[in-house]
Protein backbone atom coordinates (compact mmCIF):
# COMPACT_ATOMS: atom_id res chain seq x y z
CA MET A 1 15.98 29.91 0.76
CA ALA A 2 14.43 26.48 1.90
CA THR A 3 12.76 23.95 -0.86
CA ASP A 4 9.08 24.13 -0.91
CA VAL A 5 8.98 20.23 -0.53
CA ILE A 6 5.14 19.96 -0.47
CA LYS A 7 5.17 21.81 -3.91
CA GLN A 8 7.79 19.73 -5.41
CA ILE A 9 6.00 16.62 -4.49
CA SER A 10 3.04 17.76 -5.90
CA GLN A 11 4.71 17.76 -9.56
CA TYR A 12 5.56 14.14 -9.38
CA LYS A 13 3.34 10.76 -9.58
CA TYR A 14 5.38 9.01 -7.20
CA ILE A 15 7.83 9.66 -4.08
CA TYR A 16 10.88 7.92 -2.91
CA PHE A 17 12.29 8.03 0.76
CA GLY A 18 15.20 6.36 1.37
CA PHE A 19 18.94 7.49 1.83
CA ASP A 20 22.22 8.03 -0.49
CA PRO A 21 25.14 6.24 0.78
CA ALA A 22 27.92 8.01 -1.03
CA GLY A 23 29.69 8.85 2.32
CA GLU A 24 30.31 4.93 3.11
CA ASN A 25 33.95 3.97 3.34
CA SER A 26 35.92 1.51 5.26
CA SER A 27 36.00 3.38 8.29
CA ASN A 28 32.45 4.38 8.50
CA PRO A 29 30.49 1.59 6.37
CA TRP A 30 27.10 3.13 7.26
CA LYS A 31 27.21 6.77 6.58
CA ALA A 32 23.62 7.69 4.99
CA THR A 33 22.00 10.57 4.12
CA PRO A 34 18.07 10.63 4.02
CA VAL A 35 17.03 11.74 0.76
CA LEU A 36 13.23 12.76 -0.75
CA SER A 37 13.02 12.03 -4.55
CA GLY A 38 10.20 12.25 -7.20
CA SER A 39 9.16 10.31 -10.57
CA ASN A 40 6.65 10.37 -13.14
CA ASP A 41 7.46 6.63 -14.26
CA ALA A 42 8.88 4.84 -11.34
CA ILE A 43 11.83 4.47 -12.98
CA ASN A 44 14.00 7.53 -13.49
CA TRP A 45 14.08 9.68 -10.50
CA ASN A 46 14.78 13.24 -9.39
CA VAL A 47 16.19 14.55 -5.84
CA ILE A 48 13.69 16.71 -4.07
CA ALA A 49 15.48 17.25 -0.96
CA GLU A 50 18.06 15.68 1.19
CA PHE A 51 17.44 15.84 5.16
CA PRO A 52 21.15 15.81 7.11
CA GLN A 53 18.92 16.54 10.16
CA LEU A 54 17.41 13.30 10.52
CA GLY A 55 21.01 11.77 11.06
CA ASN A 56 22.05 8.68 10.14
CA LEU A 57 18.86 7.16 9.29
CA ARG A 58 18.88 4.26 6.79
CA ASP A 59 16.10 2.09 5.33
CA GLY A 60 13.62 5.03 5.27
CA ASN A 61 10.03 4.39 5.13
CA ILE A 62 7.10 7.23 4.72
CA ALA A 63 3.59 7.04 4.64
CA LYS A 64 0.85 9.52 5.08
CA TYR A 65 -1.77 10.61 7.17
CA ASN A 66 -4.14 13.25 6.64
CA ASP A 67 -1.72 16.48 6.54
CA TYR A 68 1.03 14.71 7.86
CA TYR A 69 4.04 12.38 6.68
CA TRP A 70 4.95 9.58 8.85
CA ILE A 71 8.67 8.69 8.49
CA THR A 72 10.80 5.95 10.27
CA GLY A 73 13.47 3.54 9.60
CA THR A 74 16.67 2.00 11.29
CA THR A 75 16.78 4.26 14.40
CA GLY A 76 14.29 6.81 14.04
CA LEU A 77 10.55 7.63 14.13
CA TYR A 78 9.31 10.96 12.65
CA ARG A 79 6.47 13.15 11.72
CA THR A 80 6.19 16.21 9.40
CA LYS A 81 3.88 18.25 7.72
CA ASP A 82 6.25 20.53 5.47
CA PHE A 83 9.58 18.56 5.55
CA GLN A 84 11.22 21.69 7.11
CA THR A 85 10.41 20.74 10.90
CA PHE A 86 10.15 17.20 12.48
CA LYS A 87 9.06 15.93 15.37
CA SER A 88 10.92 13.08 16.94
CA PHE A 89 9.13 10.35 18.51
CA ASP A 90 10.19 7.47 20.97
CA VAL A 91 11.78 4.22 19.46
CA SER A 92 12.63 2.39 22.68
CA PHE A 93 9.85 0.09 21.68
CA LEU A 94 12.59 -1.41 18.71
CA GLN A 95 14.94 -2.27 21.80
CA ARG A 96 14.57 -5.99 23.52
CA ASP A 97 17.20 -7.88 25.47
CA GLY A 98 18.46 -10.78 23.75
CA TYR A 99 17.79 -9.26 19.98
CA THR A 100 20.30 -8.18 17.18
CA ASP A 101 20.15 -6.43 14.13
CA ILE A 102 16.70 -4.89 14.63
CA TRP A 103 16.55 -3.22 11.35
CA ALA A 104 14.20 -1.43 8.87
CA PRO A 105 10.74 -0.60 10.49
CA GLU A 106 7.65 -0.09 8.18
CA PHE A 107 4.55 1.43 7.80
CA PHE A 108 1.50 -0.78 6.64
CA THR A 109 -2.05 -0.86 6.89
CA ASP A 110 -4.56 -3.62 7.55
CA TYR A 111 -7.90 -3.79 6.04
CA SER A 112 -9.71 -2.29 8.83
CA ASP A 113 -7.52 0.62 8.26
CA ASN A 114 -5.65 0.20 11.35
CA TRP A 115 -1.68 1.27 11.24
CA HIS A 116 0.78 -1.07 12.39
CA LEU A 117 4.69 -1.28 12.09
CA VAL A 118 6.83 -4.44 10.81
CA TRP A 119 10.37 -4.92 10.90
CA GLY A 120 13.18 -7.69 11.30
CA ALA A 121 15.38 -8.87 14.03
CA VAL A 122 17.67 -11.85 15.08
CA SER A 123 17.61 -13.79 18.46
CA ASP A 124 17.85 -17.56 18.10
CA SER A 125 17.20 -16.97 14.31
CA ARG A 126 15.75 -14.03 11.91
CA HIS A 127 12.34 -13.41 12.60
CA VAL A 128 9.91 -10.65 11.76
CA TYR A 129 7.88 -8.60 14.37
CA VAL A 130 4.57 -6.65 14.26
CA ALA A 131 3.50 -3.50 16.42
CA ASP A 132 0.31 -1.64 16.25
CA PHE A 133 0.42 2.17 15.71
CA ASP A 134 -1.54 5.14 16.31
CA PRO A 135 -0.77 7.64 13.28
CA GLU A 136 -2.89 10.43 15.34
CA THR A 137 -0.41 10.23 18.65
CA GLY A 138 2.53 8.29 17.45
CA GLU A 139 1.88 5.68 20.14
CA VAL A 140 3.36 1.99 19.76
CA THR A 141 1.59 -0.53 21.55
CA ASN A 142 1.39 -4.58 21.74
CA SER A 143 5.18 -4.60 20.25
CA TRP A 144 7.21 -7.65 19.18
CA GLN A 145 4.16 -9.74 17.77
CA MET A 146 5.88 -12.55 16.28
CA VAL A 147 4.61 -13.20 12.50
CA ASN A 148 4.30 -16.62 11.19
CA GLU A 149 6.47 -16.53 8.05
CA ASP A 150 10.14 -18.27 7.04
CA HIS A 151 12.65 -16.45 8.83
CA GLY A 152 13.40 -13.40 6.79
CA MET A 153 15.13 -10.08 7.41
CA ASP A 154 14.34 -6.66 5.73
CA PRO A 155 10.25 -7.40 5.96
CA HIS A 156 8.10 -5.23 3.78
CA ILE A 157 4.07 -5.82 4.18
CA TRP A 158 1.40 -4.59 1.75
CA LYS A 159 -2.35 -5.55 1.08
CA MET A 160 -3.65 -6.13 -2.42
CA ASN A 161 -6.48 -8.31 -3.99
CA GLY A 162 -8.05 -9.01 -0.79
CA LYS A 163 -4.97 -10.59 0.64
CA TYR A 164 -1.81 -9.91 2.80
CA TYR A 165 1.71 -9.94 0.95
CA LEU A 166 4.92 -10.16 2.43
CA SER A 167 8.52 -9.76 0.76
CA ILE A 168 11.55 -10.55 2.80
CA ASP A 169 15.16 -11.19 1.98
CA ALA A 170 14.66 -9.50 -1.51
CA TYR A 171 12.83 -11.78 -3.68
CA TRP A 172 11.19 -13.78 -1.51
CA LEU A 173 7.28 -13.21 -1.89
CA TYR A 174 4.44 -14.82 -0.01
CA GLU A 175 0.52 -14.12 0.61
CA ALA A 176 -1.59 -14.82 3.47
CA ASP A 177 -5.16 -14.25 4.90
CA SER A 178 -3.78 -12.22 7.96
CA TYR A 179 -0.81 -9.86 8.11
CA MET A 180 0.13 -12.31 11.01
CA GLY A 181 0.52 -15.36 8.56
CA PRO A 182 0.70 -17.90 7.94
CA TYR A 183 2.34 -16.83 4.69
CA THR A 184 2.58 -19.23 1.52
CA LEU A 185 5.36 -19.00 -0.90
CA ILE A 186 4.45 -17.46 -4.31
CA LYS A 187 6.98 -19.08 -6.64
CA ASN A 188 8.28 -16.15 -9.20
CA ASN A 189 10.88 -15.43 -11.95
CA ILE A 190 12.18 -12.54 -9.93
CA GLU A 191 15.59 -12.13 -11.58
CA HIS A 192 18.85 -13.10 -8.97
CA SER A 193 20.52 -15.26 -10.98
CA ASP A 194 24.00 -13.81 -10.26
CA GLU A 195 23.58 -14.08 -6.76
CA ASN A 196 26.42 -16.14 -5.01
CA GLY A 197 25.96 -15.42 -1.23
CA LYS A 198 29.10 -13.80 -0.56
CA THR A 199 29.84 -11.07 -2.87
CA ILE A 200 26.44 -10.37 -4.66
CA TRP A 201 23.46 -10.78 -3.42
CA TYR A 202 19.74 -8.91 -3.35
CA GLU A 203 17.97 -7.36 -0.30
CA ALA A 204 15.38 -4.75 0.71
CA GLY A 205 12.55 -5.47 -1.24
CA GLU A 206 9.80 -2.46 -1.61
CA THR A 207 6.95 -2.32 -4.02
CA LEU A 208 5.03 0.72 -5.38
CA VAL A 209 1.08 -0.11 -7.09
CA ASP A 210 -0.21 1.97 -9.48
CA GLY A 211 -3.57 0.36 -11.02
CA ASP A 212 -2.93 -3.25 -12.28
CA THR A 213 0.93 -2.72 -12.15
CA ILE A 214 3.25 -3.38 -9.32
CA TYR A 215 6.66 -2.11 -9.37
CA PHE A 216 9.15 -4.35 -6.89
CA TYR A 217 12.41 -2.65 -6.05
CA CYS A 218 15.35 -4.23 -4.43
CA ASP A 219 19.04 -3.75 -3.57
CA HIS A 220 21.61 -5.46 -5.75
CA ILE A 221 24.64 -5.86 -3.67
CA THR A 222 27.88 -5.85 -5.73
CA GLY A 223 30.51 -4.94 -3.49
CA SER A 224 31.25 -2.14 -6.34
CA VAL A 225 32.87 0.40 -3.57
CA PRO A 226 36.39 -0.80 -2.20
CA GLY A 227 35.72 -1.34 1.61
CA VAL A 228 32.50 -1.24 1.61
CA ALA A 229 30.45 -4.29 1.74
CA ASP A 230 26.89 -3.54 1.04
CA SER A 231 27.57 -1.24 -1.96
CA GLY A 232 25.88 -1.53 -5.29
CA GLN A 233 22.30 -0.12 -7.19
CA MET A 234 18.84 -0.45 -6.80
CA VAL A 235 16.85 -2.41 -9.76
CA VAL A 236 13.29 -2.69 -10.20
CA GLN A 237 10.77 -5.35 -11.64
CA THR A 238 7.37 -4.98 -12.99
CA ALA A 239 4.16 -7.48 -12.91
CA ASN A 240 0.52 -7.31 -13.00
CA ILE A 241 -0.81 -7.21 -9.86
CA HIS A 242 -3.15 -10.37 -10.73
CA ASP A 243 -0.60 -12.84 -11.46
CA LEU A 244 2.89 -12.31 -9.14
CA SER A 245 4.61 -14.98 -10.72
CA LYS A 246 5.61 -13.51 -13.83
CA TRP A 247 8.05 -10.22 -13.55
CA THR A 248 9.38 -8.20 -16.33
CA GLY A 249 13.36 -6.69 -15.75
CA PRO A 250 15.14 -6.09 -13.89
CA GLN A 251 16.17 -2.61 -15.06
CA ASN A 252 18.52 -0.16 -12.98
CA VAL A 253 16.79 2.86 -11.51
CA THR A 254 18.44 6.10 -12.76
CA SER A 255 19.15 9.03 -10.34
CA SER A 256 21.66 11.70 -9.57
CA ILE A 257 22.11 9.56 -6.24
CA ASN A 258 22.81 6.03 -5.66
CA MET A 259 19.35 5.32 -4.18
CA ARG A 260 19.11 2.67 -1.87
CA HIS A 261 16.75 0.41 0.41
CA GLY A 262 13.66 3.02 0.94
CA SER A 263 10.27 3.13 0.44
CA PHE A 264 7.61 4.47 -2.69
CA LEU A 265 4.52 6.32 -2.56
CA LYS A 266 2.02 7.47 -4.99
CA VAL A 267 1.48 11.29 -4.66
CA GLU A 268 -2.01 12.18 -3.60
CA SER A 269 -3.48 14.75 -5.90
CA GLY A 270 -6.71 16.81 -6.46
CA SER A 271 -9.46 17.50 -4.20
CA ASP A 272 -10.48 13.72 -4.19
CA ALA A 273 -6.97 12.07 -2.81
CA THR A 274 -8.05 8.17 -2.87
CA VAL A 275 -10.52 7.52 -5.43
CA THR A 276 -11.52 9.93 -8.71
CA LYS A 277 -14.15 7.65 -10.29
CA VAL A 278 -15.09 3.75 -10.40
CA ASN A 279 -14.82 1.67 -13.10
CA LEU A 280 -16.24 -1.40 -13.04
CA THR A 281 -15.76 -4.53 -15.17
CA HIS A 282 -18.40 -6.65 -16.86
CA VAL A 283 -18.34 -10.65 -16.41
CA ASP A 284 -17.93 -12.54 -19.59
CA LYS A 285 -16.69 -16.29 -18.80
CA PRO A 286 -18.16 -18.07 -15.99
CA PHE A 287 -14.87 -18.86 -14.08
CA ASP A 288 -14.05 -15.10 -14.06
CA LEU A 289 -17.03 -14.69 -11.69
CA GLY A 290 -14.95 -15.00 -8.27
CA SER A 291 -11.94 -12.87 -9.31
CA ASN A 292 -14.21 -10.42 -11.21
CA THR A 293 -16.41 -9.97 -8.20
CA LYS A 294 -13.65 -9.52 -5.96
CA HIS A 295 -11.49 -6.85 -8.44
CA ASN A 296 -14.66 -4.46 -8.50
CA TYR A 297 -15.55 -4.99 -4.94
CA GLU A 298 -12.13 -3.78 -4.00
CA GLN A 299 -12.99 -0.57 -5.89
CA CYS A 300 -16.23 -0.29 -4.61
CA LEU A 301 -15.13 -0.62 -1.06
CA SER A 302 -12.40 2.02 -1.43
CA ALA A 303 -14.92 4.54 -3.09
CA ILE A 304 -17.19 4.10 0.04
CA ASN A 305 -14.40 4.61 2.32
CA THR A 306 -13.10 7.81 0.66
CA ILE A 307 -17.17 8.95 0.69
CA TYR A 308 -16.90 8.25 4.44
CA ASN A 309 -13.82 9.82 5.27
CA ARG A 310 -14.25 13.02 3.09
CA PHE A 311 -18.18 13.56 3.77
CA GLY A 312 -17.27 13.25 7.23
CA LYS A 313 -14.44 16.17 6.91
CA LEU A 314 -17.22 18.17 5.25
CA LEU A 315 -19.83 17.93 7.86
CA GLY A 316 -17.21 17.94 10.93
CA ASP A 317 -18.31 14.65 12.21
CA ASP A 318 -18.17 11.15 11.79
CA VAL A 319 -20.28 9.73 8.81
CA GLY A 320 -20.13 5.89 10.00
CA ALA A 321 -18.13 3.16 10.51
CA LYS A 322 -16.31 1.60 7.55
CA PRO A 323 -17.52 -1.54 6.15
CA ASP A 324 -15.81 -4.72 6.96
CA HIS A 325 -13.77 -6.45 4.41
CA LEU A 326 -14.97 -9.47 2.97
CA GLN A 327 -12.22 -12.18 1.49
CA LEU A 328 -12.58 -14.89 -1.31
CA ARG A 329 -11.27 -18.05 -0.33
CA SER A 330 -11.97 -19.84 -3.65
CA SER A 331 -12.39 -18.16 -7.12
CA GLY A 332 -14.18 -21.75 -8.07
CA LEU A 333 -17.78 -22.42 -9.64
CA ASP A 334 -18.61 -23.23 -5.75
CA ARG A 335 -20.96 -22.61 -2.62
CA ASN A 336 -18.15 -20.49 -1.58
CA ALA A 337 -17.57 -18.09 -4.46
CA TRP A 338 -21.71 -18.30 -4.60
CA LEU A 339 -22.32 -17.09 -1.07
CA TYR A 340 -19.28 -14.55 -1.34
CA ILE A 341 -20.92 -12.85 -4.41
CA VAL A 342 -24.54 -12.78 -2.49
CA HIS A 343 -22.48 -10.87 0.50
CA VAL A 344 -20.53 -8.72 -1.53
CA PHE A 345 -23.76 -7.54 -3.08
CA ASP A 346 -25.75 -7.25 0.22
CA GLN A 347 -23.03 -5.41 1.62
CA LEU A 348 -22.51 -2.84 -1.09
CA GLU A 349 -26.44 -2.36 -1.06
CA LEU A 350 -26.35 -1.42 2.71
CA GLU A 351 -23.52 0.94 2.54
CA ILE A 352 -24.24 2.59 -0.38
CA ASN A 353 -27.93 3.32 0.80
CA LYS A 354 -26.43 4.60 4.09
CA ALA A 355 -24.13 7.04 2.54
CA VAL A 356 -27.53 8.20 0.26
CA GLY A 357 -29.28 8.62 3.18
CA VAL A 358 -26.48 10.77 4.58
CA PHE A 359 -26.13 13.18 1.23
CA ARG A 360 -30.62 13.21 0.72
CA SER A 361 -30.40 13.92 4.40
CA ASN A 362 -28.16 17.06 4.05
CA GLY A 363 -29.53 18.29 0.77
CA PHE A 364 -27.17 17.27 -1.79
CA ALA A 365 -28.43 16.58 -4.98
CA ASN A 366 -27.35 14.36 -7.65
CA ILE A 367 -25.49 16.60 -10.20
CA ARG A 368 -26.15 14.46 -13.19
CA THR A 369 -29.84 13.90 -12.77
CA LYS A 370 -30.23 17.43 -10.72
CA LYS A 371 -32.64 15.19 -8.23
CA ASP A 372 -32.27 13.87 -4.72
CA PHE A 373 -30.33 10.56 -4.71
CA ASP A 374 -32.14 7.51 -5.26
CA TYR A 375 -31.17 4.36 -3.23
CA ILE A 376 -30.21 1.60 -4.97
CA GLU A 377 -31.80 -1.69 -5.13
CA LEU A 378 -29.35 -4.57 -6.23
CA VAL A 379 -30.93 -8.18 -7.48
CA ARG A 380 -29.28 -11.12 -5.66
CA PRO A 381 -27.73 -13.31 -8.33
CA LEU A 382 -29.86 -16.67 -7.26
CA ASN A 383 -29.40 -18.73 -10.66
CA LEU A 384 -26.80 -21.12 -11.63
CA MET A 385 -23.48 -19.68 -11.77
CA ILE A 386 -22.84 -21.11 -15.47
CA ASP A 387 -26.09 -19.54 -16.76
CA THR A 388 -25.86 -16.24 -18.43
CA SER A 389 -29.01 -14.70 -16.73
CA TYR A 390 -26.63 -15.29 -13.53
CA GLN A 391 -24.07 -13.03 -15.26
CA THR A 392 -26.73 -10.16 -16.64
CA THR A 393 -27.71 -10.41 -13.06
CA LEU A 394 -24.29 -9.36 -12.15
CA ASN A 395 -23.37 -6.94 -14.69
CA ASN A 396 -26.74 -4.87 -14.19
CA ASN A 397 -25.86 -4.59 -10.32
CA TRP A 398 -22.28 -3.73 -11.30
CA ASP A 399 -23.77 -0.67 -13.75
CA GLN A 400 -26.08 0.60 -10.85
CA VAL A 401 -23.27 0.40 -7.89
CA GLN A 402 -20.77 2.15 -10.51
CA THR A 403 -23.19 4.94 -11.73
CA THR A 404 -24.42 5.40 -7.86
CA LEU A 405 -20.79 5.64 -6.51
CA ASN A 406 -19.55 7.85 -9.37
CA ASP A 407 -22.46 10.24 -8.82
CA LEU A 408 -21.76 10.57 -5.10
CA LEU A 409 -18.01 11.04 -5.92
CA ALA A 410 -18.73 13.85 -8.55
CA VAL A 411 -20.54 15.86 -5.56
CA LEU A 412 -17.17 15.70 -3.28
CA THR A 413 -14.88 16.62 -5.73
CA LYS A 414 -16.66 19.91 -5.81
CA PHE A 415 -15.28 20.58 -2.28
CA HIS A 416 -11.66 20.75 -1.16
CA VAL A 417 -11.55 18.80 2.00
């Protein structure tokens, strides 16, 4: 009887899709078995299922779109709803004259929720490339856009804290305002002290973010299997998402297989798969104004996008375009931060009231008050930024935003959409 993979996935907080290199030997050094595993602590992993029908797919990457899982890796692109039947898509976009070592394509999304693919290849030197991807159709366009980075391989791009982050060649981390770069190196203490460049090295950096914790995985290559050049094990280190310079670890992941280059995904659960509750923080210190606003705004934006998406499904139409994303370039007490904070509240008031209007026009009442939803009216913080009345204004605004968003989300949790 076939394993009910979807049911198995629902029992875990996280999943990994990668490969088991157990079949590697000197005559077949690239043998791989694609595998899906689950974990509740991001360290200890249990195998859910193997997928020999996907062939020799290495460097697996998994992403979810509506009810479908997209899977890619070196040499393949697939879509599945149940992990029993896989639809294969054309990967000829990865081929290009004059390029070799075209490896490890991965999915990522930008702040406008557009999907892309990123991979590494070698021509005159190592480079990172991006294409646009349509998760509705599987169509790949605008292929081979060169990213402005430090000529690395095994690229991994993710968005966080209003910026884009890039990992290449394992422990090299960068940040940028655009996913196309230019990227700035983040100095860090990720452990790689035993690397000698010939027989021991690190590769294939991948991340998993949950709350304020980020897990960073990479393959520690040791040459431990005779005749196989890239044998070793996977290690993981952790940090706070607000400080990628300080990491704890490394430690080996545990599994019944030798987990290798793959990707990690937080499992969606419950009737609301994206946001269940907004928990905003108050400002206590003047120099926290910018970073606090940015952190709260990220939560609010995610909640608003969830409301648009789920209410749109409930009504059978599109509630409206998702709000644009603002980026804070300075967190000091200067005019840039002041204008950013003003724009944040202007945008949040507009978007939240647009959602409130949709709820009111469709007869959805506030569960907590048993009345129609009220429109919010936020106050522009116009005092000096070091003034306590300025901070009080911000905190009152955050309280109002938090209450309203959670009231809206509470209605949507009643519907399984």
